[in-house]
Amino acid sequence: MIEFLLSDANVIYTSALAILFALALFEGVAQLIGVGLLSLVDDALPDIDLDADFDASSLGTLAGLMSWLNLGRLPFLIWLTLLLSVFALAGLTLNAFLPLPNIIVLLASIVATLFGLRFFGRKLVQLLPKNETSAVSTITFIGMPATVIRGTAKPNFPAEAEVIDSFQQKHFLMVAPEQGEIATGSQVVIVERAQAGHYLVKQFDVAAEINL
């Protein structure tokens, strides 16, 4: 058994298991000293609003891929634990029962991991309790200011924008104007939710606000 786990074909999968056990150990030690590693990591990461179902164009974006993999819907350490577990188990199982080339096993393990994150991640999202105190309805974003932080927003070609809610939590949304273009760094106001899943915005007119 030890020889199997430490063989050249399995070293990448046993390494994933080693990282998994190390995370569990760190979490146990952190709990003993009164600091949850899970909450510590999640507090250090920005909140990402990925509750929307992305259309085909959005799935080509980083945000669409993250949504499909449930990254942002789960606490990061739980998501990472799921990734490492599925990857390691898939690789070790394939090597144990099928005499395949290492590269084929690796590619198959990656594919299994992606679909594992999708399927099991959605199950975990349903099981985990929601934090109602800081949860923000998508309707709440309407009328809020945002900053375009990545890409140029065009009609039907959304860019990524950052919104800070009343709890001072950051949310990252896909936004697009009804007409024209909005460059990175521009201030916008969220107008409504588009059927495609992103938000329609208007560029914030500083001069008009001053005249008011």
N, C-alpha and C. Protein backbone atom coordinates (compact mmCIF):
# COMPACT_ATOMS: atom_id res chain seq x y z
N MET A 1 0.82 -1.20 0.00
CA MET A 1 0.00 0.00 0.00
C MET A 1 0.86 1.26 0.00
N ILE A 2 1.88 1.29 0.87
CA ILE A 2 2.76 2.44 0.94
C ILE A 2 3.52 2.62 -0.37
N GLU A 3 3.97 1.49 -0.93
CA GLU A 3 4.69 1.55 -2.21
C GLU A 3 3.79 2.11 -3.31
N PHE A 4 2.52 1.72 -3.28
CA PHE A 4 1.57 2.22 -4.27
C PHE A 4 1.38 3.73 -4.14
N LEU A 5 1.21 4.21 -2.91
CA LEU A 5 0.98 5.64 -2.69
C LEU A 5 2.20 6.48 -3.03
N LEU A 6 3.40 5.91 -2.82
CA LEU A 6 4.63 6.67 -3.04
C LEU A 6 5.25 6.43 -4.42
N SER A 7 4.56 5.69 -5.26
CA SER A 7 5.09 5.44 -6.60
C SER A 7 5.08 6.74 -7.41
N ASP A 8 5.90 6.77 -8.45
CA ASP A 8 6.00 7.98 -9.28
C ASP A 8 4.66 8.35 -9.90
N ALA A 9 3.87 7.35 -10.24
CA ALA A 9 2.58 7.62 -10.88
C ALA A 9 1.58 8.27 -9.93
N ASN A 10 1.78 8.07 -8.62
CA ASN A 10 0.81 8.56 -7.64
C ASN A 10 1.30 9.73 -6.80
N VAL A 11 2.51 10.19 -7.01
CA VAL A 11 3.07 11.20 -6.13
C VAL A 11 2.25 12.49 -6.14
N ILE A 12 1.70 12.86 -7.29
CA ILE A 12 0.91 14.09 -7.35
C ILE A 12 -0.40 13.96 -6.57
N TYR A 13 -0.96 12.75 -6.55
CA TYR A 13 -2.23 12.53 -5.84
C TYR A 13 -2.01 12.37 -4.34
N THR A 14 -0.91 11.72 -3.96
CA THR A 14 -0.60 11.63 -2.53
C THR A 14 -0.19 13.00 -1.99
N SER A 15 0.40 13.83 -2.84
CA SER A 15 0.73 15.20 -2.42
C SER A 15 -0.54 15.99 -2.13
N ALA A 16 -1.56 15.78 -2.96
CA ALA A 16 -2.85 16.44 -2.72
C ALA A 16 -3.44 15.99 -1.39
N LEU A 17 -3.33 14.69 -1.10
CA LEU A 17 -3.81 14.18 0.20
C LEU A 17 -3.01 14.76 1.35
N ALA A 18 -1.69 14.91 1.16
CA ALA A 18 -0.84 15.47 2.21
C ALA A 18 -1.24 16.91 2.51
N ILE A 19 -1.52 17.68 1.47
CA ILE A 19 -1.97 19.06 1.66
C ILE A 19 -3.31 19.07 2.40
N LEU A 20 -4.18 18.14 2.04
CA LEU A 20 -5.48 18.03 2.69
C LEU A 20 -5.34 17.74 4.18
N PHE A 21 -4.48 16.79 4.53
CA PHE A 21 -4.26 16.46 5.94
C PHE A 21 -3.59 17.62 6.68
N ALA A 22 -2.70 18.34 6.00
CA ALA A 22 -2.05 19.49 6.62
C ALA A 22 -3.08 20.58 6.94
N LEU A 23 -4.01 20.82 6.03
CA LEU A 23 -5.07 21.80 6.27
C LEU A 23 -5.93 21.40 7.46
N ALA A 24 -6.24 20.09 7.54
CA ALA A 24 -7.03 19.60 8.67
C ALA A 24 -6.28 19.78 9.98
N LEU A 25 -4.96 19.53 9.95
CA LEU A 25 -4.14 19.70 11.15
C LEU A 25 -4.09 21.16 11.58
N PHE A 26 -3.88 22.05 10.62
CA PHE A 26 -3.83 23.48 10.93
C PHE A 26 -5.16 23.97 11.48
N GLU A 27 -6.25 23.48 10.91
CA GLU A 27 -7.56 23.87 11.39
C GLU A 27 -7.78 23.39 12.82
N GLY A 28 -7.33 22.15 13.12
CA GLY A 28 -7.46 21.64 14.48
C GLY A 28 -6.66 22.45 15.48
N VAL A 29 -5.41 22.78 15.12
CA VAL A 29 -4.57 23.60 16.01
C VAL A 29 -5.18 24.99 16.18
N ALA A 30 -5.69 25.56 15.07
CA ALA A 30 -6.28 26.89 15.14
C ALA A 30 -7.50 26.91 16.05
N GLN A 31 -8.30 25.83 16.01
CA GLN A 31 -9.46 25.75 16.88
C GLN A 31 -9.05 25.66 18.34
N LEU A 32 -7.95 24.96 18.61
CA LEU A 32 -7.48 24.83 20.00
C LEU A 32 -7.05 26.16 20.59
N ILE A 33 -6.51 27.04 19.75
CA ILE A 33 -6.07 28.35 20.25
C ILE A 33 -7.14 29.42 20.06
N GLY A 34 -8.32 28.97 19.59
CA GLY A 34 -9.44 29.89 19.50
C GLY A 34 -9.51 30.70 18.22
N VAL A 35 -8.80 30.28 17.19
CA VAL A 35 -8.83 30.99 15.91
C VAL A 35 -9.20 29.99 14.83
N GLY A 36 -10.36 30.17 14.20
CA GLY A 36 -10.78 29.26 13.14
C GLY A 36 -10.07 29.58 11.83
N LEU A 37 -9.31 28.61 11.32
CA LEU A 37 -8.62 28.83 10.05
C LEU A 37 -9.61 29.08 8.93
N LEU A 38 -10.76 28.39 8.99
CA LEU A 38 -11.79 28.55 7.96
C LEU A 38 -12.29 29.98 7.89
N SER A 39 -12.67 30.53 9.05
CA SER A 39 -13.18 31.90 9.07
C SER A 39 -12.08 32.91 8.79
N LEU A 40 -10.85 32.60 9.22
CA LEU A 40 -9.73 33.51 9.01
C LEU A 40 -9.45 33.69 7.52
N VAL A 41 -9.43 32.59 6.78
CA VAL A 41 -9.18 32.66 5.34
C VAL A 41 -10.33 33.34 4.62
N ASP A 42 -11.57 33.01 5.00
CA ASP A 42 -12.73 33.61 4.33
C ASP A 42 -12.81 35.11 4.57
N ASP A 43 -12.41 35.55 5.78
CA ASP A 43 -12.42 36.98 6.07
C ASP A 43 -11.38 37.72 5.24
N ALA A 44 -10.30 37.03 4.89
CA ALA A 44 -9.23 37.66 4.11
C ALA A 44 -9.56 37.72 2.63
N LEU A 45 -10.55 36.95 2.19
CA LEU A 45 -10.92 36.92 0.78
C LEU A 45 -12.15 37.77 0.55
N PRO A 46 -12.25 38.42 -0.62
CA PRO A 46 -13.43 39.22 -0.93
C PRO A 46 -14.63 38.35 -1.19
N ASP A 47 -15.83 38.89 -0.86
CA ASP A 47 -17.06 38.18 -1.18
C ASP A 47 -17.34 38.33 -2.67
N ILE A 48 -17.78 37.26 -3.30
CA ILE A 48 -18.07 37.29 -4.72
C ILE A 48 -19.51 36.89 -4.93
N ASP A 49 -20.29 37.74 -5.59
CA ASP A 49 -21.68 37.43 -5.86
C ASP A 49 -21.78 36.59 -7.12
N LEU A 50 -22.03 35.29 -6.93
CA LEU A 50 -22.11 34.39 -8.07
C LEU A 50 -23.43 33.64 -8.07
N ASP A 51 -24.46 34.27 -7.52
CA ASP A 51 -25.74 33.59 -7.44
C ASP A 51 -26.47 33.55 -8.77
N ALA A 52 -26.07 34.41 -9.70
CA ALA A 52 -26.76 34.48 -10.98
C ALA A 52 -26.38 33.30 -11.85
N ASP A 53 -27.31 32.89 -12.72
CA ASP A 53 -27.00 31.89 -13.73
C ASP A 53 -26.45 32.62 -14.94
N PHE A 54 -25.25 32.28 -15.36
CA PHE A 54 -24.59 32.98 -16.45
C PHE A 54 -25.01 32.38 -17.78
N ASP A 55 -25.12 33.26 -18.80
CA ASP A 55 -25.42 32.78 -20.13
C ASP A 55 -24.14 32.33 -20.81
N ALA A 56 -24.23 31.96 -22.07
CA ALA A 56 -23.07 31.40 -22.77
C ALA A 56 -21.92 32.38 -22.85
N SER A 57 -22.24 33.68 -23.06
CA SER A 57 -21.16 34.66 -23.17
C SER A 57 -20.47 34.87 -21.83
N SER A 58 -21.27 34.84 -20.76
CA SER A 58 -20.67 35.04 -19.44
C SER A 58 -19.82 33.86 -19.02
N LEU A 59 -20.19 32.65 -19.48
CA LEU A 59 -19.42 31.48 -19.11
C LEU A 59 -18.03 31.51 -19.70
N GLY A 60 -17.81 32.38 -20.65
CA GLY A 60 -16.48 32.53 -21.20
C GLY A 60 -15.60 33.39 -20.33
N THR A 61 -16.17 34.00 -19.32
CA THR A 61 -15.42 34.86 -18.43
C THR A 61 -14.95 34.10 -17.21
N LEU A 62 -14.02 34.72 -16.49
CA LEU A 62 -13.52 34.11 -15.26
C LEU A 62 -14.65 33.95 -14.25
N ALA A 63 -15.51 34.97 -14.15
CA ALA A 63 -16.61 34.91 -13.20
C ALA A 63 -17.56 33.76 -13.53
N GLY A 64 -17.80 33.53 -14.81
CA GLY A 64 -18.67 32.43 -15.20
C GLY A 64 -18.09 31.08 -14.83
N LEU A 65 -16.78 30.92 -15.03
CA LEU A 65 -16.12 29.66 -14.66
C LEU A 65 -16.16 29.45 -13.15
N MET A 66 -15.90 30.53 -12.40
CA MET A 66 -15.93 30.43 -10.94
C MET A 66 -17.32 30.04 -10.46
N SER A 67 -18.35 30.60 -11.11
CA SER A 67 -19.71 30.26 -10.73
C SER A 67 -20.00 28.79 -11.00
N TRP A 68 -19.56 28.29 -12.16
CA TRP A 68 -19.82 26.90 -12.53
C TRP A 68 -19.14 25.94 -11.56
N LEU A 69 -17.97 26.34 -11.05
CA LEU A 69 -17.21 25.50 -10.12
C LEU A 69 -17.60 25.73 -8.66
N ASN A 70 -18.59 26.60 -8.44
CA ASN A 70 -19.08 26.91 -7.09
C ASN A 70 -18.06 27.65 -6.23
N LEU A 71 -17.05 28.24 -6.85
CA LEU A 71 -16.09 29.04 -6.10
C LEU A 71 -16.73 30.39 -5.80
N GLY A 72 -16.87 30.70 -4.52
CA GLY A 72 -17.57 31.90 -4.10
C GLY A 72 -18.89 31.56 -3.44
N ARG A 73 -19.45 30.42 -3.80
CA ARG A 73 -20.67 29.95 -3.15
C ARG A 73 -20.35 29.20 -1.86
N LEU A 74 -19.18 28.58 -1.82
CA LEU A 74 -18.72 27.83 -0.64
C LEU A 74 -17.60 28.58 0.05
N PRO A 75 -17.45 28.41 1.37
CA PRO A 75 -16.23 28.91 2.03
C PRO A 75 -15.00 28.34 1.33
N PHE A 76 -13.97 29.18 1.16
CA PHE A 76 -12.85 28.80 0.31
C PHE A 76 -12.18 27.51 0.75
N LEU A 77 -11.97 27.33 2.06
CA LEU A 77 -11.28 26.12 2.52
C LEU A 77 -12.11 24.86 2.27
N ILE A 78 -13.42 24.98 2.36
CA ILE A 78 -14.28 23.83 2.05
C ILE A 78 -14.18 23.51 0.56
N TRP A 79 -14.17 24.56 -0.26
CA TRP A 79 -14.03 24.36 -1.71
C TRP A 79 -12.67 23.73 -2.04
N LEU A 80 -11.61 24.21 -1.38
CA LEU A 80 -10.27 23.66 -1.62
C LEU A 80 -10.18 22.21 -1.15
N THR A 81 -10.82 21.91 -0.02
CA THR A 81 -10.85 20.54 0.48
C THR A 81 -11.54 19.61 -0.50
N LEU A 82 -12.64 20.07 -1.06
CA LEU A 82 -13.36 19.27 -2.05
C LEU A 82 -12.50 19.05 -3.29
N LEU A 83 -11.82 20.09 -3.74
CA LEU A 83 -10.95 19.98 -4.92
C LEU A 83 -9.85 18.94 -4.70
N LEU A 84 -9.15 19.06 -3.58
CA LEU A 84 -8.05 18.14 -3.30
C LEU A 84 -8.54 16.71 -3.13
N SER A 85 -9.69 16.55 -2.48
CA SER A 85 -10.23 15.21 -2.22
C SER A 85 -10.61 14.50 -3.52
N VAL A 86 -11.36 15.19 -4.36
CA VAL A 86 -11.81 14.57 -5.62
C VAL A 86 -10.62 14.28 -6.52
N PHE A 87 -9.68 15.21 -6.60
CA PHE A 87 -8.50 15.02 -7.46
C PHE A 87 -7.68 13.81 -7.00
N ALA A 88 -7.42 13.73 -5.69
CA ALA A 88 -6.61 12.63 -5.16
C ALA A 88 -7.32 11.28 -5.33
N LEU A 89 -8.59 11.23 -4.97
CA LEU A 89 -9.33 9.97 -5.06
C LEU A 89 -9.48 9.50 -6.51
N ALA A 90 -9.71 10.44 -7.41
CA ALA A 90 -9.85 10.07 -8.82
C ALA A 90 -8.56 9.49 -9.36
N GLY A 91 -7.44 10.16 -9.08
CA GLY A 91 -6.16 9.69 -9.58
C GLY A 91 -5.75 8.35 -9.00
N LEU A 92 -5.89 8.20 -7.69
CA LEU A 92 -5.51 6.95 -7.04
C LEU A 92 -6.39 5.78 -7.49
N THR A 93 -7.69 6.05 -7.65
CA THR A 93 -8.60 4.99 -8.08
C THR A 93 -8.29 4.53 -9.50
N LEU A 94 -8.03 5.48 -10.38
CA LEU A 94 -7.71 5.11 -11.77
C LEU A 94 -6.41 4.30 -11.84
N ASN A 95 -5.40 4.75 -11.08
CA ASN A 95 -4.13 4.02 -11.10
C ASN A 95 -4.23 2.64 -10.45
N ALA A 96 -5.16 2.49 -9.54
CA ALA A 96 -5.31 1.21 -8.85
C ALA A 96 -5.99 0.16 -9.73
N PHE A 97 -6.88 0.60 -10.62
CA PHE A 97 -7.69 -0.38 -11.36
C PHE A 97 -7.47 -0.37 -12.87
N LEU A 98 -6.87 0.70 -13.40
CA LEU A 98 -6.69 0.77 -14.85
C LEU A 98 -5.24 1.06 -15.21
N PRO A 99 -4.60 0.21 -16.00
CA PRO A 99 -3.21 0.45 -16.40
C PRO A 99 -3.12 1.47 -17.53
N LEU A 100 -3.30 2.73 -17.19
CA LEU A 100 -3.30 3.80 -18.20
C LEU A 100 -2.03 4.63 -18.08
N PRO A 101 -1.62 5.30 -19.16
CA PRO A 101 -0.48 6.22 -19.08
C PRO A 101 -0.74 7.33 -18.07
N ASN A 102 0.32 7.83 -17.46
CA ASN A 102 0.18 8.84 -16.40
C ASN A 102 -0.55 10.09 -16.89
N ILE A 103 -0.27 10.52 -18.11
CA ILE A 103 -0.88 11.74 -18.62
C ILE A 103 -2.38 11.57 -18.80
N ILE A 104 -2.81 10.36 -19.21
CA ILE A 104 -4.24 10.09 -19.37
C ILE A 104 -4.93 10.11 -18.01
N VAL A 105 -4.29 9.51 -17.02
CA VAL A 105 -4.86 9.51 -15.66
C VAL A 105 -4.95 10.93 -15.12
N LEU A 106 -3.91 11.73 -15.38
CA LEU A 106 -3.91 13.11 -14.90
C LEU A 106 -5.05 13.91 -15.53
N LEU A 107 -5.19 13.81 -16.84
CA LEU A 107 -6.26 14.54 -17.53
C LEU A 107 -7.64 14.08 -17.07
N ALA A 108 -7.79 12.77 -16.90
CA ALA A 108 -9.07 12.24 -16.43
C ALA A 108 -9.37 12.71 -15.01
N SER A 109 -8.34 12.80 -14.18
CA SER A 109 -8.51 13.27 -12.80
C SER A 109 -8.91 14.74 -12.76
N ILE A 110 -8.33 15.53 -13.65
CA ILE A 110 -8.68 16.95 -13.72
C ILE A 110 -10.14 17.12 -14.14
N VAL A 111 -10.55 16.36 -15.15
CA VAL A 111 -11.94 16.42 -15.60
C VAL A 111 -12.88 15.98 -14.48
N ALA A 112 -12.53 14.89 -13.79
CA ALA A 112 -13.35 14.42 -12.68
C ALA A 112 -13.43 15.46 -11.57
N THR A 113 -12.32 16.16 -11.34
CA THR A 113 -12.30 17.20 -10.31
C THR A 113 -13.23 18.34 -10.66
N LEU A 114 -13.21 18.78 -11.92
CA LEU A 114 -14.07 19.87 -12.36
C LEU A 114 -15.54 19.52 -12.17
N PHE A 115 -15.92 18.33 -12.61
CA PHE A 115 -17.32 17.92 -12.47
C PHE A 115 -17.66 17.60 -11.01
N GLY A 116 -16.67 17.14 -10.24
CA GLY A 116 -16.89 16.92 -8.82
C GLY A 116 -17.16 18.22 -8.09
N LEU A 117 -16.41 19.27 -8.43
CA LEU A 117 -16.64 20.58 -7.83
C LEU A 117 -18.02 21.09 -8.19
N ARG A 118 -18.44 20.83 -9.42
CA ARG A 118 -19.76 21.26 -9.86
C ARG A 118 -20.87 20.51 -9.11
N PHE A 119 -20.80 19.18 -9.12
CA PHE A 119 -21.88 18.37 -8.56
C PHE A 119 -21.90 18.40 -7.04
N PHE A 120 -20.78 18.01 -6.42
CA PHE A 120 -20.74 17.95 -4.96
C PHE A 120 -20.77 19.35 -4.34
N GLY A 121 -20.20 20.32 -5.06
CA GLY A 121 -20.24 21.70 -4.56
C GLY A 121 -21.66 22.21 -4.42
N ARG A 122 -22.50 21.91 -5.40
CA ARG A 122 -23.90 22.35 -5.33
C ARG A 122 -24.63 21.67 -4.18
N LYS A 123 -24.29 20.40 -3.93
CA LYS A 123 -24.91 19.70 -2.80
C LYS A 123 -24.50 20.34 -1.48
N LEU A 124 -23.22 20.70 -1.37
CA LEU A 124 -22.73 21.32 -0.14
C LEU A 124 -23.33 22.70 0.06
N VAL A 125 -23.52 23.44 -1.02
CA VAL A 125 -24.13 24.77 -0.92
C VAL A 125 -25.52 24.66 -0.32
N GLN A 126 -26.26 23.63 -0.71
CA GLN A 126 -27.61 23.43 -0.18
C GLN A 126 -27.60 23.03 1.29
N LEU A 127 -26.54 22.37 1.72
CA LEU A 127 -26.47 21.88 3.11
C LEU A 127 -25.96 22.93 4.08
N LEU A 128 -25.08 23.81 3.61
CA LEU A 128 -24.47 24.78 4.51
C LEU A 128 -25.47 25.85 4.91
N PRO A 129 -25.43 26.28 6.18
CA PRO A 129 -26.32 27.36 6.62
C PRO A 129 -25.93 28.67 5.98
N LYS A 130 -26.93 29.50 5.73
CA LYS A 130 -26.68 30.82 5.14
C LYS A 130 -26.45 31.84 6.24
N ASN A 131 -25.59 32.80 5.99
CA ASN A 131 -25.36 33.90 6.91
C ASN A 131 -26.32 35.02 6.58
N GLU A 132 -27.47 35.04 7.27
CA GLU A 132 -28.52 35.99 6.93
C GLU A 132 -28.15 37.43 7.28
N THR A 133 -27.24 37.63 8.22
CA THR A 133 -26.93 38.98 8.66
C THR A 133 -26.21 39.78 7.60
N SER A 134 -25.43 39.13 6.77
CA SER A 134 -24.69 39.86 5.75
C SER A 134 -25.10 39.48 4.34
N ALA A 135 -26.16 38.64 4.23
CA ALA A 135 -26.62 38.26 2.91
C ALA A 135 -27.28 39.44 2.23
N VAL A 136 -27.01 39.62 0.96
CA VAL A 136 -27.56 40.75 0.22
C VAL A 136 -28.37 40.22 -0.94
N SER A 137 -29.64 40.58 -1.01
CA SER A 137 -30.47 40.19 -2.13
C SER A 137 -29.97 40.88 -3.39
N THR A 138 -30.14 40.18 -4.52
CA THR A 138 -29.71 40.80 -5.78
C THR A 138 -30.51 42.06 -6.07
N ILE A 139 -31.75 42.13 -5.56
CA ILE A 139 -32.56 43.33 -5.76
C ILE A 139 -31.93 44.52 -5.05
N THR A 140 -31.23 44.27 -3.94
CA THR A 140 -30.61 45.34 -3.17
C THR A 140 -29.57 46.09 -3.98
N PHE A 141 -28.95 45.43 -4.95
CA PHE A 141 -27.92 46.08 -5.74
C PHE A 141 -28.48 47.18 -6.64
N ILE A 142 -29.77 47.13 -6.96
CA ILE A 142 -30.35 48.13 -7.84
C ILE A 142 -30.25 49.51 -7.20
N GLY A 143 -29.70 50.46 -7.96
CA GLY A 143 -29.53 51.81 -7.46
C GLY A 143 -28.22 52.07 -6.74
N MET A 144 -27.42 51.02 -6.53
CA MET A 144 -26.16 51.18 -5.82
C MET A 144 -25.04 51.58 -6.78
N PRO A 145 -24.07 52.35 -6.30
CA PRO A 145 -22.91 52.70 -7.13
C PRO A 145 -21.95 51.52 -7.22
N ALA A 146 -21.20 51.47 -8.29
CA ALA A 146 -20.22 50.41 -8.50
C ALA A 146 -19.05 50.97 -9.29
N THR A 147 -17.95 50.24 -9.26
CA THR A 147 -16.76 50.63 -10.01
C THR A 147 -16.36 49.50 -10.93
N VAL A 148 -16.21 49.81 -12.22
CA VAL A 148 -15.76 48.81 -13.18
C VAL A 148 -14.27 48.56 -12.93
N ILE A 149 -13.91 47.32 -12.61
CA ILE A 149 -12.53 47.03 -12.22
C ILE A 149 -11.78 46.17 -13.24
N ARG A 150 -12.51 45.56 -14.17
CA ARG A 150 -11.80 44.71 -15.14
C ARG A 150 -12.58 44.64 -16.44
N GLY A 151 -11.95 45.07 -17.53
CA GLY A 151 -12.57 44.99 -18.84
C GLY A 151 -13.32 46.26 -19.21
N THR A 152 -13.73 46.33 -20.46
CA THR A 152 -14.55 47.43 -20.96
C THR A 152 -15.96 46.91 -21.17
N ALA A 153 -16.92 47.53 -20.49
CA ALA A 153 -18.31 47.08 -20.57
C ALA A 153 -18.97 47.63 -21.83
N LYS A 154 -19.59 46.73 -22.59
CA LYS A 154 -20.32 47.09 -23.80
C LYS A 154 -21.67 46.39 -23.76
N PRO A 155 -22.65 46.83 -24.55
CA PRO A 155 -23.93 46.13 -24.59
C PRO A 155 -23.75 44.65 -24.91
N ASN A 156 -24.28 43.80 -24.04
CA ASN A 156 -24.21 42.34 -24.17
C ASN A 156 -22.79 41.78 -23.99
N PHE A 157 -21.84 42.62 -23.63
CA PHE A 157 -20.48 42.17 -23.34
C PHE A 157 -20.07 42.75 -21.97
N PRO A 158 -20.52 42.10 -20.88
CA PRO A 158 -20.30 42.67 -19.55
C PRO A 158 -18.85 42.65 -19.11
N ALA A 159 -18.54 43.59 -18.22
CA ALA A 159 -17.24 43.65 -17.56
C ALA A 159 -17.47 43.44 -16.06
N GLU A 160 -16.39 43.25 -15.32
CA GLU A 160 -16.50 43.00 -13.89
C GLU A 160 -16.49 44.31 -13.11
N ALA A 161 -17.41 44.43 -12.17
CA ALA A 161 -17.51 45.63 -11.34
C ALA A 161 -17.55 45.25 -9.87
N GLU A 162 -17.12 46.19 -9.04
CA GLU A 162 -17.09 45.97 -7.58
C GLU A 162 -18.15 46.84 -6.92
N VAL A 163 -18.91 46.22 -6.02
CA VAL A 163 -19.93 46.92 -5.24
C VAL A 163 -19.66 46.67 -3.77
N ILE A 164 -19.81 47.70 -2.95
CA ILE A 164 -19.65 47.57 -1.50
C ILE A 164 -21.02 47.81 -0.86
N ASP A 165 -21.53 46.80 -0.14
CA ASP A 165 -22.87 46.93 0.43
C ASP A 165 -22.85 47.64 1.77
N SER A 166 -24.01 47.69 2.41
CA SER A 166 -24.13 48.42 3.68
C SER A 166 -23.39 47.74 4.82
N PHE A 167 -23.02 46.46 4.64
CA PHE A 167 -22.23 45.74 5.64
C PHE A 167 -20.73 45.87 5.36
N GLN A 168 -20.38 46.72 4.36
CA GLN A 168 -18.99 46.91 3.93
C GLN A 168 -18.39 45.63 3.34
N GLN A 169 -19.26 44.79 2.81
CA GLN A 169 -18.82 43.58 2.13
C GLN A 169 -18.66 43.88 0.64
N LYS A 170 -17.61 43.34 0.04
CA LYS A 170 -17.39 43.54 -1.39
C LYS A 170 -18.12 42.46 -2.18
N HIS A 171 -18.73 42.86 -3.27
CA HIS A 171 -19.38 41.94 -4.19
C HIS A 171 -18.88 42.24 -5.60
N PHE A 172 -18.68 41.20 -6.38
CA PHE A 172 -18.17 41.37 -7.73
C PHE A 172 -19.24 40.91 -8.72
N LEU A 173 -19.71 41.83 -9.53
CA LEU A 173 -20.81 41.59 -10.45
C LEU A 173 -20.36 41.80 -11.89
N MET A 174 -21.09 41.18 -12.81
CA MET A 174 -20.88 41.42 -14.23
C MET A 174 -21.89 42.48 -14.67
N VAL A 175 -21.40 43.56 -15.26
CA VAL A 175 -22.26 44.69 -15.62
C VAL A 175 -22.04 45.08 -17.08
N ALA A 176 -23.07 45.67 -17.67
CA ALA A 176 -22.97 46.15 -19.05
C ALA A 176 -23.95 47.31 -19.24
N PRO A 177 -23.62 48.27 -20.09
CA PRO A 177 -24.55 49.37 -20.39
C PRO A 177 -25.53 48.96 -21.48
N GLU A 178 -26.62 49.72 -21.61
CA GLU A 178 -27.55 49.46 -22.70
C GLU A 178 -27.01 49.99 -24.02
N GLN A 179 -26.15 51.01 -23.93
CA GLN A 179 -25.52 51.56 -25.13
C GLN A 179 -24.19 52.20 -24.75
N GLY A 180 -23.31 52.33 -25.75
CA GLY A 180 -22.01 52.93 -25.49
C GLY A 180 -21.05 51.96 -24.84
N GLU A 181 -19.93 52.51 -24.37
CA GLU A 181 -18.90 51.72 -23.70
C GLU A 181 -18.55 52.36 -22.36
N ILE A 182 -18.16 51.53 -21.40
CA ILE A 182 -17.73 52.02 -20.09
C ILE A 182 -16.39 51.39 -19.79
N ALA A 183 -15.38 52.23 -19.60
CA ALA A 183 -14.01 51.75 -19.44
C ALA A 183 -13.71 51.34 -18.00
N THR A 184 -12.62 50.61 -17.83
CA THR A 184 -12.15 50.22 -16.50
C THR A 184 -11.89 51.46 -15.65
N GLY A 185 -12.32 51.43 -14.39
CA GLY A 185 -12.14 52.55 -13.48
C GLY A 185 -13.32 53.49 -13.43
N SER A 186 -14.29 53.31 -14.32
CA SER A 186 -15.45 54.20 -14.36
C SER A 186 -16.42 53.91 -13.22
N GLN A 187 -17.07 54.97 -12.74
CA GLN A 187 -18.10 54.84 -11.72
C GLN A 187 -19.45 54.68 -12.42
N VAL A 188 -20.23 53.70 -11.99
CA VAL A 188 -21.52 53.44 -12.60
C VAL A 188 -22.59 53.29 -11.52
N VAL A 189 -23.84 53.33 -11.96
CA VAL A 189 -24.98 53.07 -11.08
C VAL A 189 -25.73 51.87 -11.64
N ILE A 190 -26.05 50.92 -10.79
CA ILE A 190 -26.76 49.72 -11.22
C ILE A 190 -28.23 50.05 -11.41
N VAL A 191 -28.74 49.75 -12.61
CA VAL A 191 -30.10 50.14 -12.98
C VAL A 191 -31.08 48.98 -12.81
N GLU A 192 -30.74 47.83 -13.38
CA GLU A 192 -31.64 46.68 -13.31
C GLU A 192 -30.89 45.41 -13.64
N ARG A 193 -31.56 44.29 -13.41
CA ARG A 193 -30.99 42.98 -13.71
C ARG A 193 -31.40 42.57 -15.12
N ALA A 194 -30.46 42.22 -15.95
CA ALA A 194 -30.75 41.79 -17.31
C ALA A 194 -31.14 40.32 -17.31
N GLN A 195 -31.89 39.91 -18.32
CA GLN A 195 -32.32 38.52 -18.41
C GLN A 195 -31.13 37.58 -18.60
N ALA A 196 -30.05 38.09 -19.18
CA ALA A 196 -28.87 37.26 -19.41
C ALA A 196 -28.12 36.93 -18.13
N GLY A 197 -28.45 37.62 -17.03
CA GLY A 197 -27.81 37.32 -15.75
C GLY A 197 -26.93 38.43 -15.22
N HIS A 198 -26.45 39.33 -16.11
CA HIS A 198 -25.62 40.43 -15.64
C HIS A 198 -26.52 41.61 -15.25
N TYR A 199 -25.90 42.72 -14.85
CA TYR A 199 -26.64 43.91 -14.44
C TYR A 199 -26.46 45.02 -15.47
N LEU A 200 -27.54 45.73 -15.75
CA LEU A 200 -27.47 46.90 -16.61
C LEU A 200 -27.09 48.11 -15.75
N VAL A 201 -26.18 48.93 -16.27
CA VAL A 201 -25.69 50.07 -15.50
C VAL A 201 -25.67 51.32 -16.38
N LYS A 202 -25.62 52.46 -15.73
CA LYS A 202 -25.40 53.74 -16.39
C LYS A 202 -24.16 54.38 -15.78
N GLN A 203 -23.38 55.04 -16.62
CA GLN A 203 -22.18 55.68 -16.11
C GLN A 203 -22.55 56.85 -15.21
N PHE A 204 -21.85 56.96 -14.10
CA PHE A 204 -22.12 58.01 -13.12
C PHE A 204 -21.65 59.34 -13.67
N ASP A 205 -22.58 60.29 -13.81
CA ASP A 205 -22.26 61.61 -14.35
C ASP A 205 -21.93 62.55 -13.21
N VAL A 206 -20.63 62.75 -12.96
CA VAL A 206 -20.20 63.59 -11.84
C VAL A 206 -20.66 65.02 -12.02
N ALA A 207 -20.56 65.55 -13.24
CA ALA A 207 -20.94 66.94 -13.49
C ALA A 207 -22.41 67.18 -13.19
N ALA A 208 -23.25 66.22 -13.60
CA ALA A 208 -24.68 66.36 -13.36
C ALA A 208 -24.99 66.33 -11.87
N GLU A 209 -24.28 65.48 -11.12
CA GLU A 209 -24.50 65.41 -9.68
C GLU A 209 -24.10 66.70 -8.99
N ILE A 210 -23.02 67.32 -9.46
CA ILE A 210 -22.57 68.58 -8.85
C ILE A 210 -23.58 69.69 -9.10
N ASN A 211 -24.15 69.72 -10.32
CA ASN A 211 -25.14 70.75 -10.67
C ASN A 211 -26.40 70.61 -9.85
N LEU A 212 -26.70 69.35 -9.46
CA LEU A 212 -27.86 69.14 -8.61
C LEU A 212 -27.63 69.72 -7.23
